[in-house]
Amino acid sequence: MRRTPQIIVKQTEEWLDERWRILWMDNPPRQADLSYYNGAIKAVEFLGYSWKRDENGKHTIIKD
């Protein structure tokens, strides 16, 4: 199966959702998990996408 841009965006959104859940498994969050998540978000932005996260931790990625 070919990975289309739509599939890649969906998989990335799901991956970010998972990273967000992992980040908040510990209270307070571990610095390593926070850095990993923030680095992933910056990579998404660097590739020309915007993102948002709802109150439930669900991510949406939008091509600028």
PDB file of N, CA and C in Angstrom:
ATOM      1  N   MET A   1       0.832  -1.179   0.000  1.00  0.00           N
ATOM      2  CA  MET A   1       0.000   0.000   0.000  1.00  0.00           C
ATOM      3  C   MET A   1       0.882   1.250   0.000  1.00  0.00           C
ATOM      4  N   ARG A   2       0.561   2.160  -0.858  1.00  0.00           N
ATOM      5  CA  ARG A   2       1.328   3.397  -0.990  1.00  0.00           C
ATOM      6  C   ARG A   2       0.936   4.377   0.118  1.00  0.00           C
ATOM      7  N   ARG A   3       1.925   4.997   0.723  1.00  0.00           N
ATOM      8  CA  ARG A   3       1.663   5.993   1.766  1.00  0.00           C
ATOM      9  C   ARG A   3       1.441   7.346   1.109  1.00  0.00           C
ATOM     10  N   THR A   4       0.211   7.757   1.020  1.00  0.00           N
ATOM     11  CA  THR A   4      -0.142   9.049   0.443  1.00  0.00           C
ATOM     12  C   THR A   4       0.092  10.144   1.483  1.00  0.00           C
ATOM     13  N   PRO A   5       0.146  11.405   1.044  1.00  0.00           N
ATOM     14  CA  PRO A   5       0.282  12.498   2.016  1.00  0.00           C
ATOM     15  C   PRO A   5      -0.827  12.487   3.073  1.00  0.00           C
ATOM     16  N   GLN A   6      -2.028  12.121   2.685  1.00  0.00           N
ATOM     17  CA  GLN A   6      -3.137  12.074   3.642  1.00  0.00           C
ATOM     18  C   GLN A   6      -2.899  10.998   4.704  1.00  0.00           C
ATOM     19  N   ILE A   7      -2.386   9.852   4.281  1.00  0.00           N
ATOM     20  CA  ILE A   7      -2.092   8.771   5.226  1.00  0.00           C
ATOM     21  C   ILE A   7      -0.969   9.190   6.171  1.00  0.00           C
ATOM     22  N   ILE A   8       0.038   9.843   5.632  1.00  0.00           N
ATOM     23  CA  ILE A   8       1.165  10.288   6.455  1.00  0.00           C
ATOM     24  C   ILE A   8       0.696  11.291   7.502  1.00  0.00           C
ATOM     25  N   VAL A   9      -0.156  12.238   7.112  1.00  0.00           N
ATOM     26  CA  VAL A   9      -0.686  13.221   8.065  1.00  0.00           C
ATOM     27  C   VAL A   9      -1.488  12.516   9.154  1.00  0.00           C
ATOM     28  N   LYS A  10      -2.349  11.587   8.777  1.00  0.00           N
ATOM     29  CA  LYS A  10      -3.169  10.862   9.755  1.00  0.00           C
ATOM     30  C   LYS A  10      -2.288  10.080  10.725  1.00  0.00           C
ATOM     31  N   GLN A  11      -1.285   9.397  10.213  1.00  0.00           N
ATOM     32  CA  GLN A  11      -0.382   8.629  11.073  1.00  0.00           C
ATOM     33  C   GLN A  11       0.400   9.552  12.012  1.00  0.00           C
ATOM     34  N   THR A  12       0.800  10.710  11.506  1.00  0.00           N
ATOM     35  CA  THR A  12       1.531  11.665  12.332  1.00  0.00           C
ATOM     36  C   THR A  12       0.633  12.217  13.434  1.00  0.00           C
ATOM     37  N   GLU A  13      -0.616  12.527  13.104  1.00  0.00           N
ATOM     38  CA  GLU A  13      -1.567  12.992  14.119  1.00  0.00           C
ATOM     39  C   GLU A  13      -1.735  11.944  15.219  1.00  0.00           C
ATOM     40  N   GLU A  14      -1.893  10.699  14.829  1.00  0.00           N
ATOM     41  CA  GLU A  14      -2.056   9.614  15.807  1.00  0.00           C
ATOM     42  C   GLU A  14      -0.800   9.451  16.657  1.00  0.00           C
ATOM     43  N   TRP A  15       0.364   9.591  16.038  1.00  0.00           N
ATOM     44  CA  TRP A  15       1.622   9.475  16.762  1.00  0.00           C
ATOM     45  C   TRP A  15       1.763  10.606  17.780  1.00  0.00           C
ATOM     46  N   LEU A  16       1.393  11.841  17.374  1.00  0.00           N
ATOM     47  CA  LEU A  16       1.449  12.971  18.303  1.00  0.00           C
ATOM     48  C   LEU A  16       0.470  12.772  19.460  1.00  0.00           C
ATOM     49  N   ASP A  17      -0.717  12.229  19.166  1.00  0.00           N
ATOM     50  CA  ASP A  17      -1.688  11.928  20.230  1.00  0.00           C
ATOM     51  C   ASP A  17      -1.060  10.984  21.257  1.00  0.00           C
ATOM     52  N   GLU A  18      -0.386   9.961  20.759  1.00  0.00           N
ATOM     53  CA  GLU A  18       0.254   8.985  21.642  1.00  0.00           C
ATOM     54  C   GLU A  18       1.369   9.629  22.462  1.00  0.00           C
ATOM     55  N   ARG A  19       2.194  10.441  21.814  1.00  0.00           N
ATOM     56  CA  ARG A  19       3.278  11.128  22.524  1.00  0.00           C
ATOM     57  C   ARG A  19       2.711  12.020  23.630  1.00  0.00           C
ATOM     58  N   TRP A  20       1.580  12.694  23.342  1.00  0.00           N
ATOM     59  CA  TRP A  20       0.942  13.573  24.328  1.00  0.00           C
ATOM     60  C   TRP A  20       0.457  12.758  25.536  1.00  0.00           C
ATOM     61  N   ARG A  21      -0.147  11.601  25.260  1.00  0.00           N
ATOM     62  CA  ARG A  21      -0.605  10.733  26.361  1.00  0.00           C
ATOM     63  C   ARG A  21       0.582  10.254  27.196  1.00  0.00           C
ATOM     64  N   ILE A  22       1.651   9.847  26.542  1.00  0.00           N
ATOM     65  CA  ILE A  22       2.849   9.393  27.255  1.00  0.00           C
ATOM     66  C   ILE A  22       3.429  10.525  28.096  1.00  0.00           C
ATOM     67  N   LEU A  23       3.431  11.719  27.537  1.00  0.00           N
ATOM     68  CA  LEU A  23       3.970  12.882  28.232  1.00  0.00           C
ATOM     69  C   LEU A  23       3.276  13.098  29.568  1.00  0.00           C
ATOM     70  N   TRP A  24       1.971  12.903  29.602  1.00  0.00           N
ATOM     71  CA  TRP A  24       1.202  13.187  30.816  1.00  0.00           C
ATOM     72  C   TRP A  24       0.917  11.954  31.663  1.00  0.00           C
ATOM     73  N   MET A  25       1.620  10.843  31.412  1.00  0.00           N
ATOM     74  CA  MET A  25       1.472   9.661  32.260  1.00  0.00           C
ATOM     75  C   MET A  25       2.084   9.906  33.636  1.00  0.00           C
ATOM     76  N   ASP A  26       3.139  10.691  33.681  1.00  0.00           N
ATOM     77  CA  ASP A  26       3.791  11.042  34.942  1.00  0.00           C
ATOM     78  C   ASP A  26       3.410  12.468  35.299  1.00  0.00           C
ATOM     79  N   ASN A  27       3.286  12.722  36.592  1.00  0.00           N
ATOM     80  CA  ASN A  27       2.973  14.071  37.032  1.00  0.00           C
ATOM     81  C   ASN A  27       4.018  14.472  38.062  1.00  0.00           C
ATOM     82  N   PRO A  28       4.891  15.390  37.791  1.00  0.00           N
ATOM     83  CA  PRO A  28       4.974  16.186  36.564  1.00  0.00           C
ATOM     84  C   PRO A  28       5.601  15.380  35.429  1.00  0.00           C
ATOM     85  N   PRO A  29       5.432  15.881  34.190  1.00  0.00           N
ATOM     86  CA  PRO A  29       5.996  15.165  33.035  1.00  0.00           C
ATOM     87  C   PRO A  29       7.522  15.104  33.114  1.00  0.00           C
ATOM     88  N   ARG A  30       8.073  14.029  32.590  1.00  0.00           N
ATOM     89  CA  ARG A  30       9.533  13.916  32.520  1.00  0.00           C
ATOM     90  C   ARG A  30      10.061  14.894  31.476  1.00  0.00           C
ATOM     91  N   GLN A  31      11.174  15.522  31.777  1.00  0.00           N
ATOM     92  CA  GLN A  31      11.769  16.502  30.865  1.00  0.00           C
ATOM     93  C   GLN A  31      12.122  15.872  29.520  1.00  0.00           C
ATOM     94  N   ALA A  32      12.585  14.630  29.526  1.00  0.00           N
ATOM     95  CA  ALA A  32      12.944  13.959  28.271  1.00  0.00           C
ATOM     96  C   ALA A  32      11.716  13.778  27.381  1.00  0.00           C
ATOM     97  N   ASP A  33      10.580  13.393  27.972  1.00  0.00           N
ATOM     98  CA  ASP A  33       9.348  13.231  27.191  1.00  0.00           C
ATOM     99  C   ASP A  33       8.871  14.569  26.639  1.00  0.00           C
ATOM    100  N   LEU A  34       8.974  15.618  27.451  1.00  0.00           N
ATOM    101  CA  LEU A  34       8.563  16.952  27.014  1.00  0.00           C
ATOM    102  C   LEU A  34       9.433  17.439  25.857  1.00  0.00           C
ATOM    103  N   SER A  35      10.736  17.238  25.957  1.00  0.00           N
ATOM    104  CA  SER A  35      11.651  17.649  24.885  1.00  0.00           C
ATOM    105  C   SER A  35      11.379  16.881  23.598  1.00  0.00           C
ATOM    106  N   TYR A  36      11.111  15.595  23.720  1.00  0.00           N
ATOM    107  CA  TYR A  36      10.824  14.750  22.554  1.00  0.00           C
ATOM    108  C   TYR A  36       9.561  15.230  21.843  1.00  0.00           C
ATOM    109  N   TYR A  37       8.510  15.500  22.621  1.00  0.00           N
ATOM    110  CA  TYR A  37       7.243  15.983  22.061  1.00  0.00           C
ATOM    111  C   TYR A  37       7.438  17.350  21.395  1.00  0.00           C
ATOM    112  N   ASN A  38       8.096  18.270  22.092  1.00  0.00           N
ATOM    113  CA  ASN A  38       8.310  19.608  21.533  1.00  0.00           C
ATOM    114  C   ASN A  38       9.152  19.560  20.264  1.00  0.00           C
ATOM    115  N   GLY A  39      10.125  18.677  20.208  1.00  0.00           N
ATOM    116  CA  GLY A  39      10.930  18.513  18.999  1.00  0.00           C
ATOM    117  C   GLY A  39      10.096  18.017  17.834  1.00  0.00           C
ATOM    118  N   ALA A  40       9.186  17.095  18.109  1.00  0.00           N
ATOM    119  CA  ALA A  40       8.298  16.582  17.057  1.00  0.00           C
ATOM    120  C   ALA A  40       7.386  17.686  16.535  1.00  0.00           C
ATOM    121  N   ILE A  41       6.857  18.505  17.433  1.00  0.00           N
ATOM    122  CA  ILE A  41       5.989  19.621  17.028  1.00  0.00           C
ATOM    123  C   ILE A  41       6.775  20.608  16.162  1.00  0.00           C
ATOM    124  N   LYS A  42       7.998  20.917  16.546  1.00  0.00           N
ATOM    125  CA  LYS A  42       8.824  21.840  15.756  1.00  0.00           C
ATOM    126  C   LYS A  42       9.124  21.264  14.376  1.00  0.00           C
ATOM    127  N   ALA A  43       9.325  19.964  14.283  1.00  0.00           N
ATOM    128  CA  ALA A  43       9.564  19.330  12.983  1.00  0.00           C
ATOM    129  C   ALA A  43       8.339  19.463  12.087  1.00  0.00           C
ATOM    130  N   VAL A  44       7.152  19.283  12.653  1.00  0.00           N
ATOM    131  CA  VAL A  44       5.906  19.455  11.894  1.00  0.00           C
ATOM    132  C   VAL A  44       5.835  20.883  11.355  1.00  0.00           C
ATOM    133  N   GLU A  45       6.120  21.865  12.212  1.00  0.00           N
ATOM    134  CA  GLU A  45       6.091  23.268  11.786  1.00  0.00           C
ATOM    135  C   GLU A  45       7.153  23.543  10.723  1.00  0.00           C
ATOM    136  N   PHE A  46       8.340  22.989  10.885  1.00  0.00           N
ATOM    137  CA  PHE A  46       9.436  23.185   9.938  1.00  0.00           C
ATOM    138  C   PHE A  46       9.062  22.676   8.548  1.00  0.00           C
ATOM    139  N   LEU A  47       8.255  21.630   8.489  1.00  0.00           N
ATOM    140  CA  LEU A  47       7.829  21.052   7.209  1.00  0.00           C
ATOM    141  C   LEU A  47       6.682  21.820   6.559  1.00  0.00           C
ATOM    142  N   GLY A  48       6.259  22.924   7.183  1.00  0.00           N
ATOM    143  CA  GLY A  48       5.245  23.780   6.575  1.00  0.00           C
ATOM    144  C   GLY A  48       3.818  23.453   6.974  1.00  0.00           C
ATOM    145  N   TYR A  49       3.642  22.870   8.139  1.00  0.00           N
ATOM    146  CA  TYR A  49       2.312  22.538   8.632  1.00  0.00           C
ATOM    147  C   TYR A  49       2.012  23.338   9.890  1.00  0.00           C
ATOM    148  N   SER A  50       0.732  23.607  10.093  1.00  0.00           N
ATOM    149  CA  SER A  50       0.244  24.134  11.362  1.00  0.00           C
ATOM    150  C   SER A  50      -0.390  22.979  12.108  1.00  0.00           C
ATOM    151  N   TRP A  51      -0.585  23.145  13.381  1.00  0.00           N
ATOM    152  CA  TRP A  51      -1.193  22.081  14.168  1.00  0.00           C
ATOM    153  C   TRP A  51      -2.029  22.687  15.282  1.00  0.00           C
ATOM    154  N   LYS A  52      -2.950  21.898  15.757  1.00  0.00           N
ATOM    155  CA  LYS A  52      -3.696  22.273  16.953  1.00  0.00           C
ATOM    156  C   LYS A  52      -3.975  21.002  17.739  1.00  0.00           C
ATOM    157  N   ARG A  53      -4.211  21.198  19.019  1.00  0.00           N
ATOM    158  CA  ARG A  53      -4.502  20.082  19.918  1.00  0.00           C
ATOM    159  C   ARG A  53      -5.743  20.464  20.709  1.00  0.00           C
ATOM    160  N   ASP A  54      -6.740  19.598  20.710  1.00  0.00           N
ATOM    161  CA  ASP A  54      -7.960  19.913  21.447  1.00  0.00           C
ATOM    162  C   ASP A  54      -7.795  19.570  22.928  1.00  0.00           C
ATOM    163  N   GLU A  55      -8.831  19.828  23.697  1.00  0.00           N
ATOM    164  CA  GLU A  55      -8.774  19.621  25.148  1.00  0.00           C
ATOM    165  C   GLU A  55      -8.602  18.148  25.539  1.00  0.00           C
ATOM    166  N   ASN A  56      -8.851  17.242  24.604  1.00  0.00           N
ATOM    167  CA  ASN A  56      -8.682  15.810  24.856  1.00  0.00           C
ATOM    168  C   ASN A  56      -7.329  15.280  24.390  1.00  0.00           C
ATOM    169  N   GLY A  57      -6.466  16.174  23.883  1.00  0.00           N
ATOM    170  CA  GLY A  57      -5.145  15.765  23.425  1.00  0.00           C
ATOM    171  C   GLY A  57      -5.111  15.254  21.994  1.00  0.00           C
ATOM    172  N   LYS A  58      -6.180  15.475  21.244  1.00  0.00           N
ATOM    173  CA  LYS A  58      -6.251  15.036  19.841  1.00  0.00           C
ATOM    174  C   LYS A  58      -5.620  16.111  18.966  1.00  0.00           C
ATOM    175  N   HIS A  59      -4.658  15.702  18.140  1.00  0.00           N
ATOM    176  CA  HIS A  59      -3.940  16.626  17.268  1.00  0.00           C
ATOM    177  C   HIS A  59      -4.555  16.669  15.871  1.00  0.00           C
ATOM    178  N   THR A  60      -4.495  17.847  15.275  1.00  0.00           N
ATOM    179  CA  THR A  60      -4.891  18.047  13.887  1.00  0.00           C
ATOM    180  C   THR A  60      -3.757  18.801  13.206  1.00  0.00           C
ATOM    181  N   ILE A  61      -3.329  18.291  12.059  1.00  0.00           N
ATOM    182  CA  ILE A  61      -2.249  18.910  11.293  1.00  0.00           C
ATOM    183  C   ILE A  61      -2.844  19.478  10.013  1.00  0.00           C
ATOM    184  N   ILE A  62      -2.491  20.748   9.713  1.00  0.00           N
ATOM    185  CA  ILE A  62      -3.026  21.446   8.546  1.00  0.00           C
ATOM    186  C   ILE A  62      -1.860  21.966   7.709  1.00  0.00           C
ATOM    187  N   LYS A  63      -1.898  21.696   6.410  1.00  0.00           N
ATOM    188  CA  LYS A  63      -0.860  22.210   5.508  1.00  0.00           C
ATOM    189  C   LYS A  63      -1.072  23.698   5.312  1.00  0.00           C
ATOM    190  N   ASP A  64      -0.016  24.496   5.531  1.00  0.00           N
ATOM    191  CA  ASP A  64      -0.107  25.955   5.339  1.00  0.00           C
ATOM    192  C   ASP A  64      -0.072  26.315   3.879  1.00  0.00           C
TER     193      ASP A  64
END
